[in-house]
Amino acid sequence: MAIRITNLQPDQILNHPLALICGDVQGTDDIVSIAVQNITDENSNSTAWPVVGRHFRALVHLASGRNVIRLSCYKFTHDFSLCYLPLKQQLEKYVRLVYVVCSDDFEKGRIQGPVDQDCSVESACNRISLGAQILQTTVAETLVSAGFPRKTFRLEESGKDRPITRVFKTSLSSTQLHTMSGEDAWRFLTYELTTSSLADASRVKFLVFLSCTRYSGGATEPTTHSEILSRTKGHVMIGGGDVALCGTGCLYTWAENLDELPRRMTDLRKVDRRSFMDDSNYRGTRWACYSSSLGGVLHELGHVLDLAHTEKGIMGQGFHDLQQLCIASHNDSLLKAGGDDNPEENLTISASWTLKPKDCCVAQLQNTVSMSLASPSEQISASDGSSEKKKLRLTKLRPKYRSMYIAPEKEITAKSSCGLFWSKSCATILSCHKWLNPDVPSALQTPQFDGRQFTSRYGIRLIEFRQPESSTVIHFWDFPESREEVPFSDCDLRPLLVSDQRDTSKAKEGSRKLDLLVIDTCGNILKGQLAVQISAESAEVP
């Protein structure tokens, strides 16, 4: 019998403290679990992780420096070394975790949950801290799966390299928050946080959780997700600007520490929908609530990191599949290939066909948050947005399944496409983003646009076009080698003008407004709104 690690090399350096170890047990089909422990850390416990079809996935905490990880099956052991170099030694910018309690001390800041669960403020903060570390690891591993280097965001940490979740008392009462719309709650709390002592506009983004989320059941069980939401107060899932705000209706399903994680991520107990919120994507179990709710937090954090909605993947509805990163399943082979199974069209610049300048009129470039261009000849550049009214990224967490009563056992073992991946443009943005990379040249050196071409002294990496109402990516131009100048006349504009993305042979006559994001190789970002127009004479595409 032998244990093989498949995703990491011996002595590999990681910049996040929760390492994902993937591998297989060779020589036998009888192994059902594998014990994993960091024997370098005296506080580390041995945790058993499932083995499915000889494959395993395990998470283990790392301490600064060199770590020896011991994997054990029966009497067989395998030691594997990893090195942890904390991001705080390299990256100034970080994500601050915040747990919001109400001004009236509603239920002493406790979350809602069954009587057998610890719902205290301390427990809630522990669950959030571990959940955020899982998201750190998820970002790093999914970027690798997308073909990019392993990178992730930094969390605010204590001196012991553990995440800090700060308790923040809002001036709002629970009654006020329960009657507010999600958008109003986001705006108010964003103002409070960004004007509080916790703020540092150039360095901090907030991942915020509302303690007062409450579900009111009833004699009958709800049968639709919309009915569940109608019975829930204080449930918010909004990300934008520097703040992602999330409800805590399913926080009781999250693990409080790493020892609990395998059990929590495989918990087949049914959610009692007469008493508690079921945000499981119609799967009905506690593990699915954990997967969907934590995945939803990742989706909203994506918006804070300047990502838009996509048809598939994490910024679509693929975040529901987060469990598949943490726990081995029969879908293991689908996790890394998820992005490849759903290729996007027109990923790179096409020179085979272009609209001539006379056919496509760039009427105006207007920043979505108050920046405008008086004439096409004037250059613009993005500001840091610190004083601007942020555009909300509203997420409709549409269920992937219609039936509320799908058997959870079938959900775990059935072969289905895994949605836990970044679309190509999202992965590119994250790979270049300043919040995932060491400090780079001044933000004043942003990409520019003069009505005819985009320019950046550092090289433009990606130009992305989004549908304004839904903030959904409709097309992008990718420059793997980067370009300092990108003339509009060099680019294939058909996907921006057609009414049916599946048929680019005809362009719809008229004009179209699109949101625009340009990012260069140093993570400098230009955002604006673009109006394009096509004449009837050029509507036919040869």
Protein backbone atom coordinates (compact mmCIF):
# COMPACT_ATOMS: atom_id res chain seq x y z
CA MET A 1 0.00 0.00 0.00
CA ALA A 2 1.20 3.52 -0.77
CA ILE A 3 -0.07 7.07 -0.31
CA ARG A 4 0.45 9.47 -3.20
CA ILE A 5 0.01 13.28 -3.06
CA THR A 6 -1.22 14.60 -6.40
CA ASN A 7 -1.64 18.38 -6.06
CA LEU A 8 1.48 19.52 -4.19
CA GLN A 9 5.23 18.94 -4.29
CA PRO A 10 7.43 18.21 -1.24
CA ASP A 11 8.56 21.41 0.50
CA GLN A 12 6.24 23.49 -1.67
CA ILE A 13 5.72 27.04 -0.39
CA LEU A 14 2.14 28.09 0.32
CA ASN A 15 0.95 31.57 1.27
CA HIS A 16 -2.29 30.50 2.94
CA PRO A 17 -2.43 28.64 6.27
CA LEU A 18 -5.03 26.00 5.40
CA ALA A 19 -3.47 23.54 2.97
CA LEU A 20 -5.57 21.32 0.72
CA ILE A 21 -3.92 17.94 0.24
CA CYS A 22 -5.30 15.73 -2.54
CA GLY A 23 -4.11 12.24 -3.27
CA ASP A 24 -4.90 8.57 -3.51
CA VAL A 25 -4.28 5.37 -1.61
CA GLN A 26 -2.69 2.81 -3.90
CA GLY A 27 -2.79 -0.96 -3.61
CA THR A 28 -6.14 -1.52 -1.90
CA ASP A 29 -9.81 -0.63 -2.21
CA ASP A 30 -10.57 -1.28 1.45
CA ILE A 31 -9.50 2.09 2.89
CA VAL A 32 -12.45 4.30 3.89
CA SER A 33 -10.57 7.08 5.72
CA ILE A 34 -7.14 8.60 6.12
CA ALA A 35 -5.80 10.41 9.20
CA VAL A 36 -3.97 13.68 8.62
CA GLN A 37 -1.95 15.63 11.19
CA ASN A 38 0.64 18.40 11.22
CA ILE A 39 3.19 16.77 13.51
CA THR A 40 5.28 19.95 13.58
CA ASP A 41 2.48 21.82 15.36
CA GLU A 42 1.99 20.57 18.92
CA ASN A 43 -1.58 21.93 18.90
CA SER A 44 -2.58 19.98 15.79
CA ASN A 45 -4.92 17.01 16.13
CA SER A 46 -5.15 13.99 13.87
CA THR A 47 -8.29 14.33 11.74
CA ALA A 48 -9.90 11.53 9.72
CA TRP A 49 -10.93 12.34 6.15
CA PRO A 50 -13.02 10.16 3.81
CA VAL A 51 -11.41 8.05 1.11
CA VAL A 52 -13.72 7.49 -1.87
CA GLY A 53 -12.65 5.29 -4.77
CA ARG A 54 -9.08 5.41 -3.40
CA HIS A 55 -9.10 9.25 -3.60
CA PHE A 56 -8.93 11.60 -0.63
CA ARG A 57 -9.01 15.31 0.09
CA ALA A 58 -7.86 16.76 3.40
CA LEU A 59 -7.31 20.18 4.91
CA VAL A 60 -4.61 20.84 7.47
CA HIS A 61 -3.47 23.97 9.32
CA LEU A 62 0.09 25.13 8.73
CA ALA A 63 2.37 27.09 11.02
CA SER A 64 4.88 29.64 9.75
CA GLY A 65 7.93 27.92 8.33
CA ARG A 66 8.41 24.25 7.50
CA ASN A 67 5.65 21.78 8.41
CA VAL A 68 5.68 17.99 8.35
CA ILE A 69 2.28 16.52 7.53
CA ARG A 70 1.70 12.89 8.51
CA LEU A 71 -0.88 10.84 6.60
CA SER A 72 -1.85 7.50 8.14
CA CYS A 73 -3.85 4.48 6.99
CA TYR A 74 -3.93 1.59 9.44
CA LYS A 75 -0.25 0.98 10.25
CA PHE A 76 1.06 2.71 7.13
CA THR A 77 2.26 6.34 7.37
CA HIS A 78 3.57 8.85 4.89
CA ASP A 79 5.26 12.13 5.88
CA PHE A 80 5.03 15.10 3.55
CA SER A 81 6.60 18.53 4.09
CA LEU A 82 5.14 21.93 3.22
CA CYS A 83 6.38 25.46 3.89
CA TYR A 84 4.07 28.29 4.93
CA LEU A 85 5.06 31.89 4.19
CA PRO A 86 2.29 34.15 5.55
CA LEU A 87 0.81 36.72 3.21
CA LYS A 88 1.10 39.39 5.89
CA GLN A 89 4.85 39.37 5.23
CA GLN A 90 4.25 40.23 1.58
CA LEU A 91 0.82 41.81 1.04
CA GLU A 92 -0.32 45.04 2.65
CA LYS A 93 -3.99 44.78 1.62
CA TYR A 94 -6.28 42.39 3.48
CA VAL A 95 -9.86 41.29 4.12
CA ARG A 96 -11.29 42.09 7.56
CA LEU A 97 -13.94 39.75 8.99
CA VAL A 98 -16.76 41.46 10.88
CA TYR A 99 -19.65 40.04 12.93
CA VAL A 100 -22.42 42.63 13.35
CA VAL A 101 -24.55 42.72 16.50
CA CYS A 102 -27.56 45.01 16.90
CA SER A 103 -27.80 48.10 19.08
CA ASP A 104 -30.53 46.45 21.17
CA ASP A 105 -28.31 43.39 21.85
CA PHE A 106 -30.87 41.23 20.07
CA GLU A 107 -30.67 37.74 21.61
CA LYS A 108 -27.20 38.70 22.93
CA GLY A 109 -25.79 38.57 19.41
CA ARG A 110 -26.44 34.85 19.07
CA ILE A 111 -27.12 33.19 15.72
CA GLN A 112 -30.19 31.05 15.12
CA GLY A 113 -29.73 27.30 15.37
CA PRO A 114 -30.90 24.04 16.96
CA VAL A 115 -30.62 23.60 20.73
CA ASP A 116 -27.74 21.14 20.32
CA GLN A 117 -25.60 23.81 18.64
CA ASP A 118 -23.43 26.45 20.28
CA CYS A 119 -24.91 29.68 18.89
CA SER A 120 -22.89 32.11 20.99
CA VAL A 121 -21.01 35.08 19.58
CA GLU A 122 -17.70 33.32 20.20
CA SER A 123 -18.83 30.21 18.33
CA ALA A 124 -20.18 32.29 15.44
CA CYS A 125 -16.85 34.09 15.12
CA ASN A 126 -14.95 30.79 15.13
CA ARG A 127 -17.19 29.43 12.36
CA ILE A 128 -16.69 32.57 10.29
CA SER A 129 -12.90 32.52 10.76
CA LEU A 130 -12.58 28.92 9.60
CA GLY A 131 -15.02 29.51 6.75
CA ALA A 132 -12.91 32.44 5.53
CA GLN A 133 -9.79 30.28 5.60
CA ILE A 134 -11.59 27.68 3.50
CA LEU A 135 -12.40 30.43 1.00
CA GLN A 136 -8.74 31.49 0.97
CA THR A 137 -7.78 27.95 0.04
CA THR A 138 -10.61 27.68 -2.49
CA VAL A 139 -9.44 30.78 -4.37
CA ALA A 140 -5.86 29.49 -4.49
CA GLU A 141 -6.77 25.99 -5.67
CA THR A 142 -9.35 27.07 -8.24
CA LEU A 143 -6.88 29.52 -9.77
CA VAL A 144 -4.41 26.66 -10.16
CA SER A 145 -7.14 24.59 -11.79
CA ALA A 146 -7.72 27.48 -14.21
CA GLY A 147 -4.06 27.43 -15.24
CA PHE A 148 -2.81 30.34 -13.12
CA PRO A 149 -0.29 30.47 -10.25
CA ARG A 150 -1.60 29.66 -6.78
CA LYS A 151 -2.68 33.05 -5.32
CA THR A 152 -5.24 34.17 -2.78
CA PHE A 153 -6.34 37.08 -0.62
CA ARG A 154 -4.96 37.89 2.82
CA LEU A 155 -7.07 37.77 5.99
CA GLU A 156 -6.51 39.95 9.03
CA GLU A 157 -4.75 37.66 11.51
CA SER A 158 -3.70 37.58 15.14
CA GLY A 159 -0.14 37.10 16.28
CA LYS A 160 -0.76 33.34 16.17
CA ASP A 161 -1.53 33.42 12.43
CA ARG A 162 -5.23 32.82 13.04
CA PRO A 163 -7.97 34.95 11.45
CA ILE A 164 -9.61 37.65 13.55
CA THR A 165 -13.37 38.14 13.38
CA ARG A 166 -14.19 41.52 14.88
CA VAL A 167 -17.50 42.12 16.66
CA PHE A 168 -19.07 45.41 15.54
CA LYS A 169 -22.13 46.95 17.19
CA THR A 170 -24.27 48.79 14.66
CA SER A 171 -26.48 51.75 15.58
CA LEU A 172 -29.39 49.85 14.01
CA SER A 173 -31.76 47.79 16.11
CA SER A 174 -32.86 44.30 15.14
CA THR A 175 -36.31 45.68 14.29
CA GLN A 176 -34.80 48.17 11.88
CA LEU A 177 -32.62 45.56 10.19
CA HIS A 178 -35.53 43.12 9.94
CA THR A 179 -37.64 45.69 8.10
CA MET A 180 -34.88 47.04 5.83
CA SER A 181 -34.31 45.82 2.31
CA GLY A 182 -31.00 44.07 1.74
CA GLU A 183 -29.78 46.98 -0.36
CA ASP A 184 -30.59 49.52 2.37
CA ALA A 185 -28.91 47.38 5.02
CA TRP A 186 -25.81 47.08 2.82
CA ARG A 187 -25.66 50.83 2.22
CA PHE A 188 -26.11 51.73 5.89
CA LEU A 189 -23.60 49.21 7.23
CA THR A 190 -21.14 50.10 4.49
CA TYR A 191 -21.29 53.72 5.62
CA GLU A 192 -20.91 52.76 9.28
CA LEU A 193 -17.96 50.48 8.67
CA THR A 194 -16.11 52.71 6.23
CA THR A 195 -16.38 55.67 8.62
CA SER A 196 -15.48 53.65 11.73
CA SER A 197 -12.13 52.92 13.33
CA LEU A 198 -12.07 49.61 11.42
CA ALA A 199 -11.77 51.37 8.06
CA ASP A 200 -8.66 51.88 5.98
CA ALA A 201 -9.82 52.53 2.42
CA SER A 202 -6.52 51.78 0.74
CA ARG A 203 -5.85 48.52 2.61
CA VAL A 204 -9.09 46.95 3.87
CA LYS A 205 -12.10 45.22 2.39
CA PHE A 206 -14.86 43.92 4.66
CA LEU A 207 -16.50 40.50 4.77
CA VAL A 208 -19.47 41.10 7.06
CA PHE A 209 -22.00 38.79 8.73
CA LEU A 210 -25.34 39.82 10.28
CA SER A 211 -26.05 38.12 13.60
CA CYS A 212 -29.78 38.92 13.51
CA THR A 213 -30.83 36.73 10.57
CA ARG A 214 -33.97 34.93 11.71
CA TYR A 215 -36.18 32.33 10.06
CA SER A 216 -39.83 32.03 11.11
CA GLY A 217 -41.17 28.60 10.26
CA GLY A 218 -44.70 27.45 10.75
CA ALA A 219 -46.96 24.44 10.80
CA THR A 220 -46.25 23.68 7.14
CA GLU A 221 -42.92 23.29 5.41
CA PRO A 222 -42.10 25.70 2.57
CA THR A 223 -41.80 24.05 -0.83
CA THR A 224 -39.86 26.71 -2.74
CA HIS A 225 -36.74 28.74 -2.12
CA SER A 226 -38.65 31.99 -2.53
CA GLU A 227 -41.05 30.88 0.20
CA ILE A 228 -38.09 30.16 2.48
CA LEU A 229 -36.74 33.66 1.85
CA SER A 230 -40.15 35.20 2.54
CA ARG A 231 -40.03 33.65 6.03
CA THR A 232 -36.51 34.97 6.72
CA LYS A 233 -35.65 38.38 8.17
CA GLY A 234 -32.20 39.92 8.05
CA HIS A 235 -31.00 37.65 5.25
CA VAL A 236 -28.67 39.58 2.94
CA MET A 237 -26.26 38.40 0.25
CA ILE A 238 -24.79 41.49 -1.40
CA GLY A 239 -21.24 42.32 -2.42
CA GLY A 240 -19.92 45.52 -3.92
CA GLY A 241 -17.36 48.25 -3.41
CA ASP A 242 -15.36 47.34 -0.32
CA VAL A 243 -18.07 45.40 1.54
CA ALA A 244 -19.69 41.98 1.19
CA LEU A 245 -22.68 41.57 3.54
CA CYS A 246 -24.03 38.10 4.33
CA GLY A 247 -26.78 36.62 6.47
CA THR A 248 -26.20 33.89 9.06
CA GLY A 249 -29.32 31.75 8.68
CA CYS A 250 -27.23 28.63 7.99
CA LEU A 251 -24.13 29.50 10.02
CA TYR A 252 -25.04 26.82 12.59
CA THR A 253 -24.18 24.19 9.94
CA TRP A 254 -20.61 25.47 9.58
CA ALA A 255 -17.67 23.86 11.36
CA GLU A 256 -16.25 25.68 14.37
CA ASN A 257 -12.84 24.04 14.02
CA LEU A 258 -10.99 21.83 11.57
CA ASP A 259 -11.65 18.65 13.55
CA GLU A 260 -15.38 19.13 12.90
CA LEU A 261 -15.06 19.87 9.20
CA PRO A 262 -15.22 16.33 7.70
CA ARG A 263 -18.32 15.54 9.77
CA ARG A 264 -19.99 18.84 8.95
CA MET A 265 -19.29 18.53 5.23
CA THR A 266 -20.87 15.06 5.15
CA ASP A 267 -23.76 15.69 7.56
CA LEU A 268 -26.79 13.94 6.02
CA ARG A 269 -29.27 15.13 8.63
CA LYS A 270 -32.31 16.81 7.14
CA VAL A 271 -32.86 20.51 7.77
CA ASP A 272 -36.05 21.06 9.78
CA ARG A 273 -37.69 23.64 7.53
CA ARG A 274 -40.43 24.24 10.09
CA SER A 275 -37.81 25.79 12.36
CA PHE A 276 -34.67 26.69 10.42
CA MET A 277 -33.65 28.21 7.12
CA ASP A 278 -32.84 25.73 4.36
CA ASP A 279 -30.39 27.34 1.93
CA SER A 280 -29.19 24.01 0.56
CA ASN A 281 -30.04 24.46 -3.13
CA TYR A 282 -33.00 22.07 -2.75
CA ARG A 283 -30.82 19.27 -1.38
CA GLY A 284 -32.33 19.48 2.08
CA THR A 285 -29.35 18.43 4.21
CA ARG A 286 -27.05 20.23 6.62
CA TRP A 287 -23.92 19.55 4.56
CA ALA A 288 -25.61 21.10 1.54
CA CYS A 289 -26.58 24.18 3.58
CA TYR A 290 -22.92 24.49 4.57
CA SER A 291 -21.74 24.13 0.98
CA SER A 292 -24.27 26.55 -0.53
CA SER A 293 -24.09 29.24 2.16
CA LEU A 294 -20.28 29.31 2.36
CA GLY A 295 -20.11 29.17 -1.43
CA GLY A 296 -22.51 32.12 -1.55
CA VAL A 297 -20.11 34.11 0.62
CA LEU A 298 -17.34 33.37 -1.90
CA HIS A 299 -19.60 34.61 -4.71
CA GLU A 300 -20.22 37.92 -2.91
CA LEU A 301 -16.53 38.29 -2.09
CA GLY A 302 -15.93 37.86 -5.81
CA HIS A 303 -18.01 40.99 -6.44
CA VAL A 304 -15.90 42.90 -3.91
CA LEU A 305 -12.87 41.77 -5.92
CA ASP A 306 -14.39 43.34 -9.06
CA LEU A 307 -15.88 40.18 -10.59
CA ALA A 308 -19.20 40.21 -12.44
CA HIS A 309 -21.79 37.48 -12.86
CA THR A 310 -21.10 34.69 -15.32
CA GLU A 311 -23.33 32.08 -16.90
CA LYS A 312 -21.45 29.23 -15.22
CA GLY A 313 -18.91 28.79 -12.48
CA ILE A 314 -18.56 30.41 -9.06
CA MET A 315 -19.88 33.75 -10.30
CA GLY A 316 -22.90 31.94 -11.70
CA GLN A 317 -24.51 29.24 -9.57
CA GLY A 318 -21.48 26.95 -9.30
CA PHE A 319 -20.65 28.16 -5.79
CA HIS A 320 -23.20 25.63 -4.47
CA ASP A 321 -20.57 22.93 -5.17
CA LEU A 322 -17.96 24.19 -2.69
CA GLN A 323 -18.16 20.95 -0.69
CA GLN A 324 -16.50 19.10 -3.56
CA LEU A 325 -13.25 20.98 -2.95
CA CYS A 326 -13.07 19.85 0.69
CA ILE A 327 -14.33 16.27 0.61
CA ALA A 328 -13.48 13.39 -1.72
CA SER A 329 -16.36 12.15 -3.83
CA HIS A 330 -17.04 10.28 -7.04
CA ASN A 331 -17.05 13.72 -8.71
CA ASP A 332 -13.36 14.23 -7.89
CA SER A 333 -12.24 14.00 -11.50
CA LEU A 334 -14.76 16.67 -12.47
CA LEU A 335 -13.54 19.35 -10.07
CA LYS A 336 -10.42 20.42 -11.92
CA ALA A 337 -11.99 19.86 -15.31
CA GLY A 338 -15.08 21.88 -14.52
CA GLY A 339 -13.88 24.99 -16.29
CA ASP A 340 -12.72 23.05 -19.33
CA ASP A 341 -16.10 21.41 -19.75
CA ASN A 342 -17.69 24.83 -20.22
CA PRO A 343 -15.45 26.73 -22.65
CA GLU A 344 -16.24 30.34 -23.41
CA GLU A 345 -16.22 31.64 -26.96
CA ASN A 346 -13.90 34.37 -28.23
CA LEU A 347 -11.39 34.13 -25.42
CA THR A 348 -8.66 35.96 -27.33
CA ILE A 349 -8.39 38.80 -29.79
CA SER A 350 -9.63 37.83 -33.25
CA ALA A 351 -8.09 39.47 -36.33
CA SER A 352 -10.24 37.56 -38.80
CA TRP A 353 -13.00 40.15 -38.83
CA THR A 354 -13.28 43.65 -37.41
CA LEU A 355 -15.73 46.52 -37.63
CA LYS A 356 -14.30 49.55 -39.32
CA PRO A 357 -14.34 52.80 -37.32
CA LYS A 358 -17.14 54.23 -39.47
CA ASP A 359 -19.34 51.22 -38.67
CA CYS A 360 -18.90 51.41 -34.91
CA CYS A 361 -19.30 54.69 -33.11
CA VAL A 362 -17.98 55.07 -29.57
CA ALA A 363 -20.37 57.72 -28.32
CA GLN A 364 -19.38 58.04 -24.69
CA LEU A 365 -17.41 56.43 -21.92
CA GLN A 366 -19.04 57.14 -18.60
CA ASN A 367 -17.93 55.70 -15.31
CA THR A 368 -20.78 53.88 -13.63
CA VAL A 369 -20.14 55.74 -10.41
CA SER A 370 -20.01 59.39 -11.55
CA MET A 371 -17.02 59.64 -13.91
CA SER A 372 -17.83 60.98 -17.39
CA LEU A 373 -16.13 61.73 -20.69
CA ALA A 374 -17.08 65.00 -22.35
CA SER A 375 -15.71 64.08 -25.77
CA PRO A 376 -14.05 61.02 -27.32
CA SER A 377 -10.73 62.82 -27.49
CA GLU A 378 -10.50 63.34 -23.74
CA GLN A 379 -8.62 60.72 -21.77
CA ILE A 380 -10.02 59.28 -18.55
CA SER A 381 -8.59 57.19 -15.79
CA ALA A 382 -10.22 55.40 -12.89
CA SER A 383 -10.18 56.76 -9.38
CA ASP A 384 -9.97 54.60 -6.29
CA GLY A 385 -13.69 55.07 -5.71
CA SER A 386 -13.31 55.92 -2.05
CA SER A 387 -15.90 58.69 -2.18
CA GLU A 388 -18.14 57.27 -4.86
CA LYS A 389 -21.54 55.71 -4.60
CA LYS A 390 -20.88 52.06 -5.23
CA LYS A 391 -22.89 50.02 -7.70
CA LEU A 392 -24.49 47.04 -5.99
CA ARG A 393 -23.95 43.51 -7.24
CA LEU A 394 -27.28 41.87 -6.56
CA THR A 395 -27.20 38.09 -6.57
CA LYS A 396 -30.26 35.98 -7.12
CA LEU A 397 -29.31 32.63 -5.64
CA ARG A 398 -31.29 30.59 -8.10
CA PRO A 399 -31.54 26.90 -7.20
CA LYS A 400 -30.04 24.46 -9.66
CA TYR A 401 -32.72 21.86 -8.96
CA ARG A 402 -36.51 22.01 -8.96
CA SER A 403 -37.37 19.32 -6.44
CA MET A 404 -36.99 20.01 -2.72
CA TYR A 405 -36.75 16.30 -2.01
CA ILE A 406 -33.73 15.04 -3.93
CA ALA A 407 -32.10 12.23 -1.96
CA PRO A 408 -28.86 13.53 -0.41
CA GLU A 409 -27.07 10.21 -0.90
CA LYS A 410 -27.62 10.48 -4.63
CA GLU A 411 -26.37 14.06 -4.59
CA ILE A 412 -23.08 12.96 -3.08
CA THR A 413 -22.41 10.02 -5.38
CA ALA A 414 -24.04 11.02 -8.67
CA LYS A 415 -21.82 12.07 -11.56
CA SER A 416 -22.53 15.67 -12.44
CA SER A 417 -20.54 18.62 -13.65
CA CYS A 418 -18.86 20.51 -10.82
CA GLY A 419 -19.47 24.25 -10.93
CA LEU A 420 -16.65 25.24 -8.58
CA PHE A 421 -14.46 27.05 -11.10
CA TRP A 422 -13.77 30.58 -12.32
CA SER A 423 -14.65 31.55 -15.85
CA LYS A 424 -11.61 32.55 -17.90
CA SER A 425 -12.09 36.30 -17.46
CA CYS A 426 -12.78 35.99 -13.71
CA ALA A 427 -9.64 33.91 -13.18
CA THR A 428 -7.61 36.42 -15.18
CA ILE A 429 -8.89 39.36 -13.11
CA LEU A 430 -8.15 37.56 -9.84
CA SER A 431 -4.67 36.55 -10.98
CA CYS A 432 -3.81 40.22 -11.67
CA HIS A 433 -5.78 41.76 -8.80
CA LYS A 434 -3.94 43.96 -6.31
CA TRP A 435 -5.59 42.19 -3.38
CA LEU A 436 -3.96 38.92 -4.43
CA ASN A 437 -0.53 40.25 -5.36
CA PRO A 438 2.30 42.03 -3.51
CA ASP A 439 2.33 45.81 -3.67
CA VAL A 440 2.64 47.15 -7.21
CA PRO A 441 3.17 50.64 -8.69
CA SER A 442 0.89 53.48 -7.68
CA ALA A 443 -2.83 53.21 -8.42
CA LEU A 444 -2.60 56.59 -10.17
CA GLN A 445 -1.09 54.81 -13.17
CA THR A 446 -4.39 53.31 -14.33
CA PRO A 447 -5.34 52.20 -17.84
CA GLN A 448 -6.69 54.99 -20.04
CA PHE A 449 -9.08 55.31 -22.97
CA ASP A 450 -9.25 58.17 -25.48
CA GLY A 451 -12.24 57.02 -27.51
CA ARG A 452 -10.09 55.12 -29.99
CA GLN A 453 -7.72 52.92 -28.00
CA PHE A 454 -6.96 51.61 -24.52
CA THR A 455 -3.48 52.18 -23.12
CA SER A 456 -1.47 51.15 -20.06
CA ARG A 457 2.23 51.57 -19.47
CA TYR A 458 2.20 48.21 -17.64
CA GLY A 459 0.40 46.32 -20.39
CA ILE A 460 -3.32 45.64 -20.68
CA ARG A 461 -4.20 42.10 -19.61
CA LEU A 462 -7.98 41.94 -20.08
CA ILE A 463 -10.90 44.03 -21.35
CA GLU A 464 -14.30 42.76 -20.16
CA PHE A 465 -17.79 43.84 -21.25
CA ARG A 466 -20.80 43.43 -18.97
CA GLN A 467 -24.55 43.73 -19.26
CA PRO A 468 -25.35 46.74 -17.03
CA GLU A 469 -28.66 45.64 -15.49
CA SER A 470 -27.50 42.22 -14.29
CA SER A 471 -23.74 42.88 -14.17
CA THR A 472 -23.20 39.75 -16.28
CA VAL A 473 -20.15 39.17 -18.48
CA ILE A 474 -21.12 39.01 -22.15
CA HIS A 475 -17.67 39.09 -23.76
CA PHE A 476 -14.02 39.81 -23.09
CA TRP A 477 -10.73 40.33 -24.87
CA ASP A 478 -7.81 38.46 -23.36
CA PHE A 479 -4.15 39.41 -23.85
CA PRO A 480 -1.95 36.69 -22.27
CA GLU A 481 1.22 38.50 -23.37
CA SER A 482 -0.27 41.94 -22.47
CA ARG A 483 -0.33 44.97 -24.76
CA GLU A 484 0.45 48.59 -23.95
CA GLU A 485 -1.98 49.77 -26.64
CA VAL A 486 -5.24 48.16 -27.79
CA PRO A 487 -6.92 50.03 -30.67
CA PHE A 488 -10.64 49.41 -31.00
CA SER A 489 -10.16 48.82 -34.72
CA ASP A 490 -8.07 45.71 -33.94
CA CYS A 491 -10.84 43.99 -32.01
CA ASP A 492 -13.75 41.76 -32.96
CA LEU A 493 -16.84 43.67 -31.83
CA ARG A 494 -19.51 41.29 -33.09
CA PRO A 495 -20.23 39.69 -29.69
CA LEU A 496 -20.92 43.16 -28.26
CA LEU A 497 -23.55 43.99 -30.86
CA VAL A 498 -25.48 40.82 -31.60
CA SER A 499 -28.80 40.13 -29.91
CA ASP A 500 -28.18 36.36 -29.75
CA GLN A 501 -24.77 35.35 -28.40
CA ARG A 502 -25.19 31.92 -29.98
CA ASP A 503 -25.33 33.42 -33.49
CA THR A 504 -22.78 36.11 -34.29
CA SER A 505 -23.52 36.11 -38.03
CA LYS A 506 -25.89 39.08 -37.70
CA ALA A 507 -25.55 42.17 -35.60
CA LYS A 508 -28.61 43.98 -34.33
CA GLU A 509 -28.94 47.49 -35.73
CA GLY A 510 -28.89 50.25 -33.15
CA SER A 511 -26.88 51.06 -30.03
CA ARG A 512 -26.05 49.20 -26.87
CA LYS A 513 -24.70 50.37 -23.53
CA LEU A 514 -22.21 48.13 -21.80
CA ASP A 515 -20.28 48.28 -18.57
CA LEU A 516 -16.57 48.03 -19.11
CA LEU A 517 -13.65 46.78 -17.00
CA VAL A 518 -10.02 47.06 -18.08
CA ILE A 519 -7.24 45.57 -15.95
CA ASP A 520 -3.50 45.72 -16.57
CA THR A 521 -0.74 43.38 -15.46
CA CYS A 522 -0.22 45.36 -12.23
CA GLY A 523 -3.87 45.11 -11.21
CA ASN A 524 -4.77 48.71 -12.05
CA ILE A 525 -8.44 48.85 -13.05
CA LEU A 526 -10.45 51.21 -15.25
CA LYS A 527 -14.24 50.98 -15.08
CA GLY A 528 -16.74 52.82 -17.22
CA GLN A 529 -19.78 52.57 -19.45
CA LEU A 530 -19.45 52.24 -23.20
CA ALA A 531 -22.06 52.98 -25.87
CA VAL A 532 -21.54 51.22 -29.20
CA GLN A 533 -23.60 51.62 -32.35
CA ILE A 534 -23.87 49.74 -35.63
CA SER A 535 -25.47 50.91 -38.85
CA ALA A 536 -27.81 48.91 -41.06
CA GLU A 537 -25.19 48.80 -43.83
CA SER A 538 -22.80 46.88 -41.61
CA ALA A 539 -25.34 44.62 -39.94
CA GLU A 540 -24.49 41.72 -42.21
CA VAL A 541 -21.27 40.01 -41.21
CA PRO A 542 -19.42 38.21 -44.01
